[in-house]
């Protein structure tokens, strides 16, 4: 029985040793993937009217797809970060840790769901590009 207790204590020490390192790695992943995908979005979308933006997206499909993938990786990183922070904060105050976990999971879910709309812009941009009016200015009689 004493070896089971010793193994448990050793496991707790190992967990305490690696959780801060994993937290730091998760923070860096979230920060860099979020910044990188944001920059890719700016390069893929451009500026102008709606038809101009859709034409730009159709011209730059790869950066748009990488942006979507980057934000999904960011969402996954937020989930990992939330769980690791819950492990650390749970020892201080369980209620606050649960509320924080819920908020971070909500953020990650909202970010992932928002990529459905961004994914829908890809086929829409290709449809708009095929129409001749997408590039012509609209004139009213």
N, C-alpha and C. Protein backbone atom coordinates (compact mmCIF):
# COMPACT_ATOMS: atom_id res chain seq x y z
N UNK A 1 0.81 -1.19 0.00
CA UNK A 1 0.00 0.00 0.00
C UNK A 1 0.86 1.26 0.00
N UNK A 2 2.01 1.20 0.61
CA UNK A 2 2.85 2.38 0.67
C UNK A 2 3.39 2.74 -0.70
N UNK A 3 3.63 1.77 -1.56
CA UNK A 3 4.14 2.08 -2.89
C UNK A 3 3.08 2.77 -3.73
N UNK A 4 1.80 2.45 -3.51
CA UNK A 4 0.73 3.13 -4.25
C UNK A 4 0.70 4.60 -3.86
N UNK A 5 0.86 4.89 -2.59
CA UNK A 5 0.89 6.28 -2.13
C UNK A 5 2.11 7.01 -2.65
N UNK A 6 3.23 6.33 -2.69
CA UNK A 6 4.46 6.94 -3.21
C UNK A 6 4.34 7.21 -4.70
N UNK A 7 3.72 6.28 -5.44
CA UNK A 7 3.51 6.47 -6.87
C UNK A 7 2.59 7.66 -7.12
N UNK A 8 1.56 7.80 -6.29
CA UNK A 8 0.62 8.91 -6.43
C UNK A 8 1.32 10.24 -6.17
N UNK A 9 2.15 10.28 -5.14
CA UNK A 9 2.89 11.51 -4.83
C UNK A 9 3.87 11.84 -5.95
N UNK A 10 4.53 10.83 -6.47
CA UNK A 10 5.47 11.05 -7.57
C UNK A 10 4.74 11.54 -8.82
N UNK A 11 3.56 11.02 -9.06
CA UNK A 11 2.76 11.44 -10.21
C UNK A 11 2.31 12.89 -10.05
N UNK A 12 1.93 13.28 -8.83
CA UNK A 12 1.54 14.66 -8.58
C UNK A 12 2.72 15.61 -8.77
N UNK A 13 3.89 15.19 -8.35
CA UNK A 13 5.08 16.02 -8.53
C UNK A 13 5.39 16.20 -10.02
N UNK A 14 5.25 15.11 -10.78
CA UNK A 14 5.50 15.18 -12.22
C UNK A 14 4.48 16.11 -12.87
N UNK A 15 3.22 16.00 -12.46
CA UNK A 15 2.18 16.87 -13.01
C UNK A 15 2.46 18.33 -12.69
N UNK A 16 2.84 18.63 -11.47
CA UNK A 16 3.16 20.00 -11.09
C UNK A 16 4.35 20.54 -11.88
N UNK A 17 5.24 19.63 -12.23
CA UNK A 17 6.45 20.04 -12.95
C UNK A 17 6.15 20.39 -14.41
N UNK A 18 5.25 19.63 -15.05
CA UNK A 18 5.03 19.80 -16.49
C UNK A 18 3.85 20.71 -16.85
N UNK A 19 2.90 20.91 -15.94
CA UNK A 19 1.74 21.74 -16.27
C UNK A 19 2.14 23.17 -16.63
N UNK A 20 3.02 23.84 -15.89
CA UNK A 20 3.41 25.20 -16.30
C UNK A 20 4.07 25.25 -17.68
N UNK A 21 4.86 24.25 -18.01
CA UNK A 21 5.50 24.21 -19.33
C UNK A 21 4.45 24.02 -20.42
N UNK A 22 3.49 23.13 -20.17
CA UNK A 22 2.43 22.91 -21.14
C UNK A 22 1.55 24.16 -21.28
N UNK A 23 1.30 24.84 -20.16
CA UNK A 23 0.54 26.09 -20.21
C UNK A 23 1.24 27.13 -21.07
N UNK A 24 2.52 27.27 -20.88
CA UNK A 24 3.29 28.23 -21.68
C UNK A 24 3.25 27.88 -23.16
N UNK A 25 3.39 26.60 -23.46
CA UNK A 25 3.33 26.17 -24.86
C UNK A 25 1.95 26.42 -25.45
N UNK A 26 0.90 26.15 -24.67
CA UNK A 26 -0.46 26.37 -25.16
C UNK A 26 -0.71 27.86 -25.40
N UNK A 27 -0.24 28.72 -24.49
CA UNK A 27 -0.38 30.17 -24.69
C UNK A 27 0.32 30.60 -25.98
N UNK A 28 1.53 30.12 -26.20
CA UNK A 28 2.27 30.51 -27.41
C UNK A 28 1.57 30.01 -28.67
N UNK A 29 1.05 28.80 -28.63
CA UNK A 29 0.33 28.27 -29.80
C UNK A 29 -0.88 29.12 -30.11
N UNK A 30 -1.65 29.46 -29.08
CA UNK A 30 -2.85 30.27 -29.28
C UNK A 30 -2.49 31.65 -29.82
N UNK A 31 -1.48 32.27 -29.25
CA UNK A 31 -1.10 33.62 -29.69
C UNK A 31 -0.60 33.61 -31.13
N UNK A 32 0.32 32.72 -31.46
CA UNK A 32 0.91 32.75 -32.79
C UNK A 32 -0.05 32.27 -33.88
N UNK A 33 -0.87 31.26 -33.60
CA UNK A 33 -1.82 30.83 -34.63
C UNK A 33 -2.90 31.90 -34.84
N UNK A 34 -3.29 32.58 -33.77
CA UNK A 34 -4.29 33.63 -33.90
C UNK A 34 -3.74 34.81 -34.71
N UNK A 35 -2.52 35.23 -34.40
CA UNK A 35 -1.91 36.33 -35.16
C UNK A 35 -1.67 35.94 -36.62
N UNK A 36 -1.15 34.74 -36.81
CA UNK A 36 -0.87 34.29 -38.17
C UNK A 36 -2.11 34.18 -39.03
N UNK A 37 -3.17 33.61 -38.47
CA UNK A 37 -4.39 33.47 -39.26
C UNK A 37 -5.05 34.82 -39.50
N UNK A 38 -4.92 35.74 -38.56
CA UNK A 38 -5.45 37.08 -38.77
C UNK A 38 -4.74 37.80 -39.90
N UNK A 39 -3.43 37.65 -39.96
CA UNK A 39 -2.67 38.26 -41.06
C UNK A 39 -3.03 37.63 -42.40
N UNK A 40 -3.24 36.31 -42.40
CA UNK A 40 -3.65 35.64 -43.63
C UNK A 40 -5.02 36.11 -44.09
N UNK A 41 -5.92 36.35 -43.13
CA UNK A 41 -7.24 36.84 -43.49
C UNK A 41 -7.14 38.20 -44.16
N UNK A 42 -6.32 39.07 -43.60
CA UNK A 42 -6.17 40.40 -44.18
C UNK A 42 -5.60 40.33 -45.60
N UNK A 43 -4.67 39.41 -45.82
CA UNK A 43 -4.09 39.30 -47.16
C UNK A 43 -5.06 38.63 -48.14
N UNK A 44 -5.92 37.75 -47.65
CA UNK A 44 -6.85 37.05 -48.53
C UNK A 44 -8.06 37.89 -48.87
N UNK A 45 -8.52 38.70 -47.95
CA UNK A 45 -9.77 39.43 -48.14
C UNK A 45 -9.56 40.75 -48.85
N UNK A 46 -8.58 41.51 -48.44
CA UNK A 46 -8.36 42.81 -49.04
C UNK A 46 -9.39 43.81 -48.54
N UNK A 47 -9.71 44.80 -49.38
CA UNK A 47 -10.68 45.81 -48.99
C UNK A 47 -11.54 46.17 -50.19
N UNK A 48 -12.57 46.91 -49.93
CA UNK A 48 -13.47 47.33 -51.00
C UNK A 48 -14.88 46.86 -50.71
N UNK A 49 -15.67 46.82 -51.77
CA UNK A 49 -17.05 46.37 -51.65
C UNK A 49 -17.14 44.87 -51.50
N UNK A 50 -18.35 44.40 -51.32
CA UNK A 50 -18.57 42.97 -51.11
C UNK A 50 -18.11 42.17 -52.31
N UNK A 51 -18.46 42.62 -53.51
CA UNK A 51 -18.05 41.86 -54.70
C UNK A 51 -16.52 41.87 -54.86
N UNK A 52 -15.87 42.99 -54.51
CA UNK A 52 -14.41 43.04 -54.56
C UNK A 52 -13.78 42.05 -53.59
N UNK A 53 -14.34 41.99 -52.40
CA UNK A 53 -13.82 41.06 -51.38
C UNK A 53 -14.00 39.63 -51.83
N UNK A 54 -15.17 39.31 -52.40
CA UNK A 54 -15.41 37.94 -52.86
C UNK A 54 -14.50 37.57 -54.02
N UNK A 55 -14.23 38.52 -54.91
CA UNK A 55 -13.30 38.26 -56.01
C UNK A 55 -11.90 38.03 -55.46
N UNK A 56 -11.48 38.82 -54.46
CA UNK A 56 -10.17 38.63 -53.84
C UNK A 56 -10.07 37.26 -53.19
N UNK A 57 -11.13 36.84 -52.52
CA UNK A 57 -11.12 35.51 -51.89
C UNK A 57 -10.98 34.43 -52.96
N UNK A 58 -11.70 34.59 -54.08
CA UNK A 58 -11.60 33.57 -55.14
C UNK A 58 -10.22 33.55 -55.78
N UNK A 59 -9.52 34.68 -55.76
CA UNK A 59 -8.16 34.73 -56.29
C UNK A 59 -7.13 34.17 -55.31
N UNK A 60 -7.47 34.15 -54.04
CA UNK A 60 -6.53 33.70 -53.00
C UNK A 60 -7.17 32.63 -52.12
N UNK A 61 -7.48 31.51 -52.71
CA UNK A 61 -8.16 30.44 -51.97
C UNK A 61 -7.26 29.79 -50.92
N UNK A 62 -6.00 29.60 -51.25
CA UNK A 62 -5.10 28.92 -50.31
C UNK A 62 -4.91 29.71 -49.01
N UNK A 63 -4.63 31.02 -49.05
CA UNK A 63 -4.54 31.75 -47.78
C UNK A 63 -5.85 31.73 -46.99
N UNK A 64 -6.98 31.75 -47.69
CA UNK A 64 -8.27 31.71 -47.00
C UNK A 64 -8.44 30.36 -46.29
N UNK A 65 -8.07 29.29 -46.96
CA UNK A 65 -8.18 27.96 -46.34
C UNK A 65 -7.20 27.81 -45.18
N UNK A 66 -6.00 28.36 -45.32
CA UNK A 66 -5.03 28.30 -44.23
C UNK A 66 -5.51 29.14 -43.04
N UNK A 67 -6.16 30.28 -43.33
CA UNK A 67 -6.75 31.10 -42.27
C UNK A 67 -7.78 30.31 -41.47
N UNK A 68 -8.65 29.59 -42.18
CA UNK A 68 -9.68 28.80 -41.51
C UNK A 68 -9.03 27.70 -40.67
N UNK A 69 -8.05 27.01 -41.24
CA UNK A 69 -7.34 25.97 -40.50
C UNK A 69 -6.62 26.56 -39.29
N UNK A 70 -6.00 27.72 -39.46
CA UNK A 70 -5.31 28.37 -38.34
C UNK A 70 -6.25 28.71 -37.21
N UNK A 71 -7.44 29.20 -37.53
CA UNK A 71 -8.39 29.52 -36.47
C UNK A 71 -8.94 28.26 -35.81
N UNK A 72 -9.04 27.16 -36.54
CA UNK A 72 -9.45 25.91 -35.90
C UNK A 72 -8.37 25.39 -34.97
N UNK A 73 -7.11 25.57 -35.34
CA UNK A 73 -6.00 25.21 -34.45
C UNK A 73 -6.01 26.12 -33.23
N UNK A 74 -6.31 27.39 -33.43
CA UNK A 74 -6.43 28.32 -32.30
C UNK A 74 -7.54 27.87 -31.36
N UNK A 75 -8.65 27.45 -31.92
CA UNK A 75 -9.77 26.97 -31.10
C UNK A 75 -9.37 25.74 -30.29
N UNK A 76 -8.67 24.83 -30.92
CA UNK A 76 -8.19 23.64 -30.21
C UNK A 76 -7.19 24.03 -29.13
N UNK A 77 -6.32 24.99 -29.43
CA UNK A 77 -5.37 25.47 -28.43
C UNK A 77 -6.06 26.12 -27.25
N UNK A 78 -7.15 26.84 -27.49
CA UNK A 78 -7.91 27.45 -26.40
C UNK A 78 -8.51 26.39 -25.50
N UNK A 79 -8.97 25.29 -26.09
CA UNK A 79 -9.53 24.19 -25.28
C UNK A 79 -8.44 23.58 -24.40
N UNK A 80 -7.28 23.32 -24.98
CA UNK A 80 -6.16 22.77 -24.20
C UNK A 80 -5.76 23.73 -23.10
N UNK A 81 -5.67 25.00 -23.44
CA UNK A 81 -5.32 26.03 -22.48
C UNK A 81 -6.34 26.10 -21.34
N UNK A 82 -7.61 26.01 -21.68
CA UNK A 82 -8.67 26.07 -20.67
C UNK A 82 -8.58 24.90 -19.70
N UNK A 83 -8.34 23.72 -20.23
CA UNK A 83 -8.24 22.53 -19.35
C UNK A 83 -7.02 22.64 -18.45
N UNK A 84 -5.89 23.07 -19.00
CA UNK A 84 -4.69 23.21 -18.18
C UNK A 84 -4.85 24.29 -17.12
N UNK A 85 -5.49 25.39 -17.48
CA UNK A 85 -5.72 26.44 -16.50
C UNK A 85 -6.71 25.98 -15.42
N UNK A 86 -7.68 25.15 -15.82
CA UNK A 86 -8.60 24.60 -14.82
C UNK A 86 -7.84 23.74 -13.82
N UNK A 87 -6.90 22.94 -14.32
CA UNK A 87 -6.11 22.08 -13.42
C UNK A 87 -5.34 22.94 -12.41
N UNK A 88 -4.80 24.05 -12.86
CA UNK A 88 -4.03 24.92 -11.97
C UNK A 88 -4.95 25.71 -11.04
N UNK A 89 -6.02 26.30 -11.58
CA UNK A 89 -6.89 27.16 -10.78
C UNK A 89 -7.83 26.39 -9.86
N UNK A 90 -8.07 25.14 -10.16
CA UNK A 90 -8.98 24.32 -9.36
C UNK A 90 -8.52 24.22 -7.91
N UNK A 91 -7.24 24.24 -7.69
CA UNK A 91 -6.70 24.13 -6.34
C UNK A 91 -6.93 25.41 -5.54
N UNK A 92 -7.07 26.54 -6.23
CA UNK A 92 -7.27 27.83 -5.55
C UNK A 92 -8.75 28.06 -5.24
N UNK A 93 -9.60 27.96 -6.27
CA UNK A 93 -11.02 28.21 -6.10
C UNK A 93 -11.77 27.45 -7.20
N UNK A 94 -12.46 26.41 -6.82
CA UNK A 94 -13.11 25.53 -7.79
C UNK A 94 -14.21 26.25 -8.57
N UNK A 95 -14.98 27.10 -7.92
CA UNK A 95 -16.08 27.80 -8.59
C UNK A 95 -15.56 28.72 -9.68
N UNK A 96 -14.57 29.51 -9.36
CA UNK A 96 -13.99 30.42 -10.35
C UNK A 96 -13.34 29.62 -11.48
N UNK A 97 -12.70 28.51 -11.14
CA UNK A 97 -12.08 27.68 -12.17
C UNK A 97 -13.13 27.12 -13.12
N UNK A 98 -14.28 26.70 -12.61
CA UNK A 98 -15.34 26.18 -13.46
C UNK A 98 -15.94 27.27 -14.35
N UNK A 99 -16.14 28.45 -13.80
CA UNK A 99 -16.66 29.57 -14.59
C UNK A 99 -15.68 29.93 -15.70
N UNK A 100 -14.41 30.01 -15.37
CA UNK A 100 -13.39 30.33 -16.37
C UNK A 100 -13.33 29.25 -17.46
N UNK A 101 -13.42 27.99 -17.05
CA UNK A 101 -13.41 26.89 -18.02
C UNK A 101 -14.60 27.02 -18.96
N UNK A 102 -15.76 27.32 -18.41
CA UNK A 102 -16.95 27.50 -19.25
C UNK A 102 -16.81 28.65 -20.23
N UNK A 103 -16.23 29.75 -19.78
CA UNK A 103 -16.03 30.91 -20.67
C UNK A 103 -15.05 30.58 -21.79
N UNK A 104 -13.97 29.92 -21.46
CA UNK A 104 -12.98 29.57 -22.50
C UNK A 104 -13.54 28.55 -23.48
N UNK A 105 -14.31 27.59 -22.98
CA UNK A 105 -14.92 26.61 -23.89
C UNK A 105 -15.94 27.29 -24.80
N UNK A 106 -16.67 28.26 -24.27
CA UNK A 106 -17.61 29.03 -25.09
C UNK A 106 -16.86 29.81 -26.17
N UNK A 107 -15.74 30.40 -25.80
CA UNK A 107 -14.93 31.14 -26.78
C UNK A 107 -14.43 30.21 -27.89
N UNK A 108 -13.93 29.06 -27.51
CA UNK A 108 -13.41 28.12 -28.50
C UNK A 108 -14.52 27.62 -29.42
N UNK A 109 -15.69 27.37 -28.85
CA UNK A 109 -16.82 26.90 -29.65
C UNK A 109 -17.29 27.97 -30.62
N UNK A 110 -17.40 29.20 -30.14
CA UNK A 110 -17.83 30.30 -31.02
C UNK A 110 -16.84 30.53 -32.15
N UNK A 111 -15.56 30.42 -31.85
CA UNK A 111 -14.54 30.59 -32.89
C UNK A 111 -14.65 29.49 -33.94
N UNK A 112 -14.84 28.26 -33.49
CA UNK A 112 -14.95 27.14 -34.44
C UNK A 112 -16.22 27.26 -35.28
N UNK A 113 -17.33 27.66 -34.67
CA UNK A 113 -18.58 27.80 -35.41
C UNK A 113 -18.49 28.94 -36.42
N UNK A 114 -17.77 30.00 -36.09
CA UNK A 114 -17.65 31.12 -37.01
C UNK A 114 -16.91 30.74 -38.29
N UNK A 115 -16.13 29.69 -38.23
CA UNK A 115 -15.39 29.26 -39.42
C UNK A 115 -16.29 28.58 -40.44
N UNK A 116 -17.50 28.16 -40.02
CA UNK A 116 -18.46 27.61 -40.97
C UNK A 116 -18.84 28.71 -41.97
N UNK A 117 -19.11 29.91 -41.47
CA UNK A 117 -19.43 31.04 -42.35
C UNK A 117 -18.27 31.42 -43.24
N UNK A 118 -17.06 31.39 -42.68
CA UNK A 118 -15.88 31.71 -43.49
C UNK A 118 -15.67 30.65 -44.57
N UNK A 119 -15.95 29.41 -44.25
CA UNK A 119 -15.83 28.34 -45.25
C UNK A 119 -16.85 28.51 -46.37
N UNK A 120 -18.02 29.03 -46.03
CA UNK A 120 -19.06 29.24 -47.04
C UNK A 120 -18.69 30.35 -48.02
N UNK A 121 -17.77 31.22 -47.64
CA UNK A 121 -17.36 32.30 -48.55
C UNK A 121 -16.56 31.77 -49.74
N UNK A 122 -15.93 30.62 -49.59
CA UNK A 122 -15.09 30.10 -50.68
C UNK A 122 -15.93 29.72 -51.90
N UNK A 123 -16.95 28.85 -51.77
CA UNK A 123 -17.75 28.57 -52.98
C UNK A 123 -18.56 29.77 -53.45
N UNK A 124 -18.98 30.62 -52.51
CA UNK A 124 -19.71 31.83 -52.89
C UNK A 124 -18.83 32.76 -53.72
N UNK A 125 -17.57 32.88 -53.33
CA UNK A 125 -16.65 33.75 -54.07
C UNK A 125 -16.41 33.21 -55.48
N UNK A 126 -16.38 31.91 -55.63
CA UNK A 126 -16.19 31.33 -56.96
C UNK A 126 -17.43 31.54 -57.83
N UNK A 127 -18.62 31.50 -57.21
CA UNK A 127 -19.84 31.77 -57.96
C UNK A 127 -19.91 33.22 -58.40
N UNK A 128 -19.54 34.13 -57.49
CA UNK A 128 -19.58 35.56 -57.81
C UNK A 128 -18.58 35.89 -58.91
N UNK A 129 -17.45 35.24 -58.88
CA UNK A 129 -16.41 35.51 -59.89
C UNK A 129 -16.89 35.11 -61.29
N UNK A 130 -17.71 34.07 -61.35
CA UNK A 130 -18.17 33.60 -62.66
C UNK A 130 -19.18 34.56 -63.30
N UNK A 131 -19.81 35.41 -62.49
CA UNK A 131 -20.76 36.38 -63.04
C UNK A 131 -20.01 37.61 -63.55
N UNK A 132 -20.46 38.13 -64.64
CA UNK A 132 -19.77 39.31 -65.21
C UNK A 132 -20.05 40.57 -64.40
N UNK A 133 -21.18 40.62 -63.69
CA UNK A 133 -21.52 41.83 -62.95
C UNK A 133 -20.68 42.00 -61.69
N UNK A 134 -19.93 40.98 -61.33
CA UNK A 134 -19.13 41.09 -60.10
C UNK A 134 -18.02 42.13 -60.26
N UNK A 135 -17.56 42.33 -61.46
CA UNK A 135 -16.48 43.29 -61.69
C UNK A 135 -16.98 44.62 -62.26
N UNK A 136 -18.19 44.60 -62.82
CA UNK A 136 -18.71 45.83 -63.42
C UNK A 136 -19.40 46.68 -62.37
N UNK A 137 -19.24 47.98 -62.44
CA UNK A 137 -19.97 48.84 -61.50
C UNK A 137 -21.46 48.79 -61.77
N UNK A 138 -22.22 48.92 -60.72
CA UNK A 138 -23.68 48.90 -60.87
C UNK A 138 -24.14 50.31 -61.23
N UNK A 139 -24.92 50.39 -62.29
CA UNK A 139 -25.46 51.69 -62.70
C UNK A 139 -26.98 51.64 -62.57
N UNK A 140 -27.52 52.68 -62.00
CA UNK A 140 -28.97 52.77 -61.81
C UNK A 140 -29.55 53.63 -62.92
N UNK A 141 -30.70 53.22 -63.46
CA UNK A 141 -31.32 54.02 -64.55
C UNK A 141 -31.82 55.36 -64.08
